[in-house]
Protein backbone atom coordinates (compact mmCIF):
# COMPACT_ATOMS: atom_id res chain seq x y z
CA MET A 1 99.64 98.43 104.51
CA ALA A 2 96.07 99.26 104.22
CA HIS A 3 95.39 96.04 102.02
CA MET A 4 96.59 93.73 104.60
CA ARG A 5 94.86 95.65 107.41
CA TYR A 6 91.58 95.23 105.86
CA LEU A 7 92.06 91.51 105.14
CA ASN A 8 92.83 91.03 108.92
CA TYR A 9 89.78 93.48 109.73
CA ALA A 10 87.55 91.04 107.64
CA GLN A 11 88.74 88.10 109.60
CA VAL A 12 87.49 89.98 112.79
CA ALA A 13 84.06 90.80 111.15
CA ASP A 14 83.71 86.91 110.12
CA LYS A 15 84.24 85.97 113.81
CA GLU A 16 81.65 88.49 114.86
CA GLY A 17 79.11 87.13 112.34
CA LEU A 18 79.15 90.13 110.19
CA PRO A 19 79.78 88.42 106.81
CA GLN A 20 78.75 91.40 104.58
CA VAL A 21 80.98 93.74 106.59
CA ALA A 22 84.01 91.13 105.97
CA ARG A 23 83.12 91.08 102.30
CA LEU A 24 83.19 94.91 102.09
CA PHE A 25 86.61 94.88 103.93
CA ARG A 26 88.03 92.25 101.34
CA ALA A 27 86.46 94.33 98.45
CA ILE A 28 88.40 97.50 99.46
CA SER A 29 91.57 95.43 100.21
CA PHE A 30 91.61 94.43 96.69
CA ALA A 31 91.25 98.14 95.61
CA GLU A 32 94.08 98.94 97.96
CA GLU A 33 96.16 96.25 96.52
CA ILE A 34 95.70 97.63 92.89
CA HIS A 35 96.58 101.19 94.44
CA ALA A 36 99.79 99.86 95.78
CA SER A 37 100.49 97.81 92.55
CA ASN A 38 99.96 100.90 90.36
CA HIS A 39 102.26 103.06 92.56
CA LEU A 40 105.01 100.72 92.41
CA LYS A 41 104.64 100.24 88.70
CA LYS A 42 104.73 103.72 88.01
CA MET A 43 107.68 104.42 90.20
CA ASP A 44 111.41 104.59 88.99
CA ARG A 45 113.83 102.49 90.87
CA LYS A 46 113.83 105.01 93.54
CA SER A 47 111.71 104.17 96.61
CA ALA A 48 110.33 106.56 99.43
CA PRO A 49 109.02 105.55 102.74
CA MET A 50 105.28 105.28 103.08
CA ALA A 51 102.97 106.47 106.12
CA GLY A 52 99.62 106.01 107.22
CA GLU A 53 97.44 107.36 109.88
CA ALA A 54 95.45 104.17 110.90
CA PRO A 55 96.29 102.68 114.24
CA PHE A 56 98.03 99.38 114.20
CA GLY A 57 96.46 96.34 115.71
CA LEU A 58 93.02 94.80 115.74
CA GLY A 59 89.92 95.77 117.35
CA THR A 60 86.17 94.93 117.28
CA THR A 61 84.56 95.29 113.53
CA SER A 62 83.25 98.77 114.84
CA GLN A 63 86.65 99.74 115.90
CA ASN A 64 88.20 98.50 112.62
CA LEU A 65 85.57 100.38 110.47
CA GLU A 66 86.54 103.53 112.43
CA PHE A 67 90.43 102.77 111.93
CA GLY A 68 89.44 102.45 108.00
CA ILE A 69 87.66 105.59 108.04
CA MET A 70 90.80 107.23 109.76
CA GLY A 71 92.96 105.74 107.04
CA GLU A 72 91.00 106.71 104.00
CA THR A 73 90.57 110.08 105.59
CA PHE A 74 94.13 110.65 105.73
CA GLU A 75 94.70 109.35 102.27
CA ILE A 76 92.06 111.77 101.04
CA GLN A 77 93.01 114.89 102.87
CA GLU A 78 96.87 114.63 103.21
CA MET A 79 98.52 111.99 101.59
CA TYR A 80 97.22 111.71 97.83
CA PRO A 81 96.78 115.40 97.61
CA VAL A 82 100.49 115.84 98.63
CA TYR A 83 101.70 112.87 96.57
CA TYR A 84 100.06 114.41 93.65
CA GLU A 85 101.58 117.73 94.08
CA VAL A 86 105.00 116.41 94.44
CA ALA A 87 104.48 114.32 91.34
CA LYS A 88 103.32 117.43 89.52
CA TYR A 89 106.24 119.38 90.46
CA GLN A 90 108.54 116.47 89.27
CA GLY A 91 106.66 116.27 86.03
CA GLU A 92 105.81 112.75 86.79
CA LYS A 93 102.55 112.36 84.89
CA ARG A 94 102.14 108.50 85.44
CA ALA A 95 102.52 109.09 89.16
CA MET A 96 99.94 111.89 88.99
CA GLN A 97 97.54 109.65 87.22
CA SER A 98 97.87 106.82 89.67
CA PHE A 99 97.58 109.04 92.63
CA ASP A 100 94.44 110.71 91.10
CA TRP A 101 92.81 107.32 90.40
CA ALA A 102 93.63 106.15 93.87
CA LEU A 103 92.21 109.48 95.53
CA GLN A 104 88.89 109.10 93.74
CA ALA A 105 88.60 105.33 94.85
CA GLU A 106 89.46 106.46 98.48
CA ARG A 107 86.56 108.91 98.73
CA ILE A 108 84.02 106.01 98.05
CA HIS A 109 85.75 103.71 100.54
CA GLN A 110 85.55 106.21 103.25
CA GLN A 111 81.74 106.60 102.58
CA MET A 112 81.23 102.90 102.59
CA PHE A 113 83.22 102.48 105.68
CA THR A 114 81.17 105.17 107.44
CA GLU A 115 77.94 103.64 106.30
CA ALA A 116 78.93 100.23 107.58
CA LYS A 117 80.02 101.51 110.88
CA GLU A 118 76.73 103.17 111.23
CA LEU A 119 74.94 99.73 110.66
CA VAL A 120 77.31 97.69 112.70
CA ASP A 121 76.96 100.19 115.70
CA ALA A 122 73.19 99.77 115.39
CA GLY A 123 73.53 95.91 115.74
CA LYS A 124 73.43 95.09 112.01
CA ASP A 125 75.49 93.86 109.36
CA TRP A 126 76.34 95.71 106.20
CA ARG A 127 73.72 95.46 103.27
CA PRO A 128 74.23 92.39 101.18
CA SER A 129 74.88 93.95 97.87
CA GLN A 130 77.52 93.52 95.18
CA VAL A 131 80.82 95.52 95.09
CA HIS A 132 82.55 95.67 91.98
CA ILE A 133 86.36 97.01 91.80
CA CYS A 134 88.11 98.02 88.71
CA GLU A 135 91.21 95.82 88.24
CA ALA A 136 92.76 98.57 86.55
CA CYS A 137 92.62 101.71 88.83
CA GLY A 138 90.79 100.41 92.07
CA TRP A 139 87.76 102.48 91.63
CA THR A 140 84.82 100.85 93.64
CA VAL A 141 81.11 100.68 92.91
CA GLU A 142 78.23 99.16 95.08
CA GLY A 143 76.08 97.14 92.80
CA GLU A 144 76.35 96.45 89.16
CA ALA A 145 79.64 97.26 87.28
CA PRO A 146 79.54 100.02 84.70
CA ASP A 147 80.06 99.26 81.08
CA VAL A 148 83.13 101.76 81.18
CA CYS A 149 84.86 102.74 84.47
CA PRO A 150 84.23 106.30 84.91
CA VAL A 151 87.90 106.73 86.45
CA CYS A 152 90.15 105.00 83.92
CA GLY A 153 88.02 103.92 81.04
CA ALA A 154 88.42 100.24 81.82
CA LYS A 155 85.71 97.86 80.41
CA LYS A 156 83.23 96.16 82.56
CA ASN A 157 85.04 92.60 82.14
CA GLN A 158 87.88 94.40 84.14
CA PHE A 159 85.90 94.79 87.30
CA ARG A 160 86.10 92.06 89.91
CA GLU A 161 82.96 91.19 91.91
CA PHE A 162 82.95 90.79 95.77
């Protein structure tokens, strides 16, 4: 859900003349897509309903950034810690790894959205810097990609630039 929500938020930011915020939304959308794919790949053939705390619908870019902050906060404070503990209880080490990787990225996403919202609320766009997303775990970094992902150990060539 976050992946698609952020893609739509990017379209709103584009329409409001905030291309750097739009790029930020697209980059973090890609990380969310990686998280969802990793979770799906690590699941058995069972499924469970997913929930999120971000409101549905589109608002202004400032409102959408607030919704993004709310969603990331929910994932950091409630969703991934609970998912991790359930996976731990069930002995699902691969799921534990996937949830841990996602949680580490969500903390960065929350910070980036918070910084972008402050700028947008001040009438500015987000800073024009590179955002790199690790294609293996979704870890996100502003600026140059590291030689090795600090979360999963992926090499620099496994980062996608936005």
